[in-house]
Protein backbone atom coordinates (compact mmCIF):
# COMPACT_ATOMS: atom_id res chain seq x y z
CA MET A 1 0.00 0.00 0.00
CA SER A 2 1.56 3.28 -1.07
CA SER A 3 1.39 6.55 0.74
CA ALA A 4 -0.91 7.95 -1.94
CA THR A 5 -3.58 5.32 -1.30
CA ALA A 6 -3.22 5.21 2.48
CA GLU A 7 -6.08 6.65 4.48
CA ALA A 8 -5.36 9.88 6.21
CA ARG A 9 -5.07 9.28 9.92
CA PRO A 10 -6.69 11.78 12.25
CA GLU A 11 -4.19 14.17 13.78
CA HIS A 12 -2.79 13.07 17.09
CA ARG A 13 -3.77 15.68 19.63
CA ASN A 14 -1.52 16.33 22.57
CA LEU A 15 -4.05 16.82 25.36
CA VAL A 16 -1.47 17.96 27.89
CA GLY A 17 -0.10 20.56 25.47
CA ALA A 18 -3.59 21.79 24.58
CA PHE A 19 -4.50 22.05 28.28
CA TRP A 20 -1.27 23.92 29.06
CA ARG A 21 -1.82 26.38 26.19
CA GLY A 22 -5.38 27.03 27.37
CA PHE A 23 -4.21 27.48 30.96
CA ARG A 24 -1.45 29.86 29.84
CA GLU A 25 -3.99 31.97 27.93
CA PHE A 26 -6.30 31.96 30.97
CA ARG A 27 -3.44 32.97 33.26
CA ARG A 28 -2.25 35.85 31.06
CA SER A 29 -5.68 37.39 30.53
CA ARG A 30 -6.48 38.06 34.21
CA PRO A 31 -4.74 38.81 37.54
CA PHE A 32 -4.09 35.12 38.15
CA TRP A 33 -1.36 35.29 40.78
CA GLY A 34 -3.09 37.99 42.80
CA GLY A 35 -6.29 35.95 42.93
CA LEU A 36 -4.38 32.79 43.86
CA LEU A 37 -2.57 34.53 46.72
CA ALA A 38 -5.85 36.00 47.99
CA MET A 39 -7.39 32.50 48.09
CA ILE A 40 -4.29 31.11 49.81
CA ALA A 41 -4.58 33.88 52.42
CA GLY A 42 -8.18 32.92 53.14
CA VAL A 43 -7.33 29.31 54.07
CA PRO A 44 -5.36 29.86 57.34
CA ILE A 45 -7.81 32.54 58.45
CA LEU A 46 -10.61 30.00 58.06
CA TYR A 47 -8.69 27.05 59.47
CA PHE A 48 -7.14 28.10 62.77
CA PRO A 49 -10.22 29.35 64.66
CA TYR A 50 -11.98 26.03 64.07
CA ALA A 51 -9.00 23.66 64.26
CA HIS A 52 -8.20 21.44 67.21
CA LEU A 53 -4.43 21.05 67.25
CA SER A 54 -2.86 18.40 69.41
CA LEU A 55 0.65 18.98 70.72
CA GLY A 56 2.12 16.16 72.83
CA GLY A 57 -1.25 14.73 73.69
CA VAL A 58 -2.69 18.13 74.64
CA THR A 59 -5.53 19.36 72.46
CA ILE A 60 -5.42 23.08 71.76
CA ALA A 61 -8.57 24.79 70.52
CA MET A 62 -8.11 28.23 69.00
CA SER A 63 -11.80 29.00 68.69
CA THR A 64 -12.64 32.43 70.00
CA THR A 65 -15.65 34.68 70.03
CA ALA A 66 -14.27 36.11 66.79
CA GLY A 67 -14.71 32.76 65.05
CA ALA A 68 -17.62 34.12 63.03
CA GLY A 69 -15.50 37.09 61.95
CA SER A 70 -12.73 34.74 60.86
CA LEU A 71 -15.22 32.68 58.89
CA ILE A 72 -16.54 35.76 57.09
CA ILE A 73 -13.07 37.17 56.34
CA GLY A 74 -11.73 33.84 55.08
CA VAL A 75 -14.72 33.19 52.83
CA LEU A 76 -14.62 36.75 51.47
CA LEU A 77 -10.91 36.45 50.64
CA ILE A 78 -11.54 33.26 48.68
CA ILE A 79 -14.51 34.85 46.89
CA LEU A 80 -12.44 37.96 46.04
CA GLY A 81 -9.70 35.76 44.59
CA LEU A 82 -12.23 33.95 42.40
CA THR A 83 -13.79 37.27 41.41
CA ALA A 84 -10.42 38.56 40.23
CA TRP A 85 -10.06 35.41 38.10
CA PHE A 86 -13.47 35.41 36.48
CA GLN A 87 -14.33 39.14 36.46
CA PRO A 88 -11.05 40.99 35.80
CA ALA A 89 -12.94 44.26 35.30
CA VAL A 90 -13.44 44.57 39.09
CA ARG A 91 -9.81 43.80 39.94
CA ILE A 92 -9.24 47.21 41.61
CA PHE A 93 -12.16 46.69 43.98
CA ALA A 94 -11.08 43.10 44.68
CA GLY A 95 -7.50 44.20 45.36
CA VAL A 96 -8.48 46.99 47.75
CA ALA A 97 -10.97 44.74 49.57
CA THR A 98 -8.38 41.95 49.85
CA THR A 99 -5.83 44.33 51.36
CA LEU A 100 -8.33 45.78 53.85
CA LEU A 101 -9.69 42.36 54.89
CA THR A 102 -6.16 41.07 55.42
CA LEU A 103 -5.38 44.02 57.69
CA VAL A 104 -8.68 43.59 59.57
CA SER A 105 -7.87 39.92 60.11
CA ILE A 106 -4.84 40.82 62.28
CA PRO A 107 -6.91 41.71 65.39
CA VAL A 108 -9.94 39.61 64.47
CA SER A 109 -8.47 36.29 63.44
CA ASN A 110 -5.49 35.26 65.58
CA LEU A 111 -3.02 37.70 64.04
CA ALA A 112 -4.10 36.90 60.48
CA GLY A 113 -3.78 33.15 60.93
CA PHE A 114 -0.56 33.50 62.93
CA GLY A 115 0.91 35.63 60.17
CA MET A 116 0.47 32.93 57.54
CA ALA A 117 -2.20 34.97 55.73
CA LEU A 118 -0.65 38.40 56.17
CA LEU A 119 1.95 38.38 53.39
CA PRO A 120 -0.07 36.41 50.81
CA GLY A 121 -3.08 38.68 51.41
CA LEU A 122 -1.17 41.96 51.11
CA ILE A 123 0.88 40.83 48.10
CA GLY A 124 -2.20 39.34 46.41
CA GLY A 125 -4.19 42.55 46.90
CA GLY A 126 -1.32 44.60 45.48
CA LEU A 127 -0.95 42.30 42.46
CA MET A 128 -4.67 42.54 41.71
CA MET A 129 -4.57 46.34 41.80
CA ALA A 130 -1.39 46.57 39.72
CA TRP A 131 -2.38 44.10 36.99
CA ALA A 132 -3.13 45.49 33.54
CA LYS A 133 -4.17 43.65 30.41
CA LEU A 134 -1.59 43.46 27.63
CA PRO A 135 -2.52 45.47 24.52
CA GLU A 136 -3.89 43.48 21.60
CA PRO A 137 -1.41 42.99 18.75
CA ALA A 138 -2.17 45.15 15.71
CA VAL A 139 -3.75 43.27 12.81
CA ALA A 140 -2.22 43.75 9.37
CA ALA A 141 -4.68 45.38 6.97
CA GLY A 142 -5.85 44.09 3.60
CA ALA A 143 -3.65 41.92 1.41
CA GLY A 144 -0.82 41.71 3.88
CA ALA A 145 -3.00 39.73 6.26
CA ALA A 146 -4.14 37.41 3.47
CA GLU A 147 -0.57 36.66 2.43
CA GLY A 148 0.40 35.77 5.97
CA THR A 149 2.53 38.77 6.79
CA THR A 150 2.51 40.03 10.32
CA ALA A 151 1.74 43.53 11.47
CA GLU A 152 5.40 44.04 12.40
CA SER A 153 6.63 43.13 8.91
CA VAL A 154 4.05 45.41 7.30
CA ALA A 155 5.13 48.26 9.55
CA THR A 156 8.80 47.75 8.67
CA GLU A 157 8.17 47.38 4.93
CA GLN A 158 6.25 50.63 4.54
CA PRO A 159 8.34 53.44 3.05
CA ALA A 160 9.32 56.25 5.30
CA ALA A 161 7.06 59.26 5.18
CA ALA A 162 8.17 62.12 2.95
CA PRO A 163 9.90 64.85 4.89
CA VAL A 164 7.63 67.69 5.80
CA ALA A 165 8.63 71.01 4.25
CA GLU A 166 9.50 73.47 6.91
CA GLU A 167 7.67 76.75 6.90
CA PRO A 168 9.88 79.79 6.48
CA VAL A 169 10.51 81.58 9.68
CA ALA A 170 9.32 85.19 9.55
CA GLU A 171 11.95 87.82 10.17
CA PRO A 172 11.34 89.77 13.33
CA VAL A 173 9.83 93.12 12.58
CA ALA A 174 11.89 96.05 13.78
CA GLU A 175 10.07 98.26 16.16
CA ALA A 176 9.18 101.66 14.80
CA ALA A 177 11.28 104.44 16.22
CA PRO A 178 9.33 106.84 18.37
CA GLU A 179 8.33 110.01 16.62
CA PRO A 180 10.28 113.05 17.72
CA ALA A 181 8.53 115.62 19.74
CA ALA A 182 7.43 118.81 18.01
CA GLY A 183 10.43 120.73 19.21
CA GLY A 184 13.28 118.45 18.30
CA SER A 185 14.75 114.96 18.26
CA VAL A 186 14.38 112.10 20.66
CA PRO A 187 17.11 112.04 23.38
CA ALA A 188 18.19 108.53 22.36
CA GLN A 189 18.71 109.67 18.81
CA GLN A 190 20.77 112.65 19.96
CA ALA A 191 23.14 110.34 21.80
CA ALA A 192 23.42 108.04 18.83
CA GLU A 193 24.27 110.80 16.33
CA PRO A 194 28.05 111.03 15.78
CA LYS A 195 29.63 114.37 16.54
CA GLU A 196 31.71 115.99 13.88
CA VAL A 197 35.35 116.38 14.63
CA ARG A 198 36.92 119.63 13.37
C-alpha cells in the first residue's frame, strides 16, 4: 500500500499541550497570581479558629468569640480571589478589599492566621490592583494579512514618510522708532548721532 492510497489518519492531539496552552492563555488574561494569593490567604484565616491542634497529647482549641469574623473574612478572601479570576474588570475593587480584609484579620483572626495569611493577602491585593491587560497585537490590513505577513513586517516594509517642508521663519519686525517731539529729536537719537570732529 503506497502513501498515496493510504487513508489519512486523524491528527494526534496532545491533550497535555492543549490544556497547558489554554491554561497559559487563561493565566495571562487576568490577575491570576493575585487571585491565587488571595485564596491562599483565606485558608489559614478560616482554618485556625476552628481547628483542634494536638501537641504532645494536649488538644489546643483556638476557637474564639471572633470565630464568626474569621469565617466571614476567610470566605470573602476566597470569593475575592475567584472574582479577580473570572471578572477581571473589578480587579481594583477586589484588590483593595483583599488588602483591607487582610489588615482587619490581624486583630480579628489570631493575628491573620498566625501571620500565615498576612503576606499572601497583602501581596495578592497589590498584584490585583497593579495588573493590567496586555494590549492586543495590531492586525495587518488588507492583502498583507491574506498573504500571511505580520503587522510588524508590514510596519517595517512601509516606506518612510516624505519629509515635511519646513515653513519659512518670519523675520522679526523692527520696532518703529518713536516720533520726535514737536520741538526736536528724541534724546536717544541725539546720543546716537556722531559728533563731527573739526
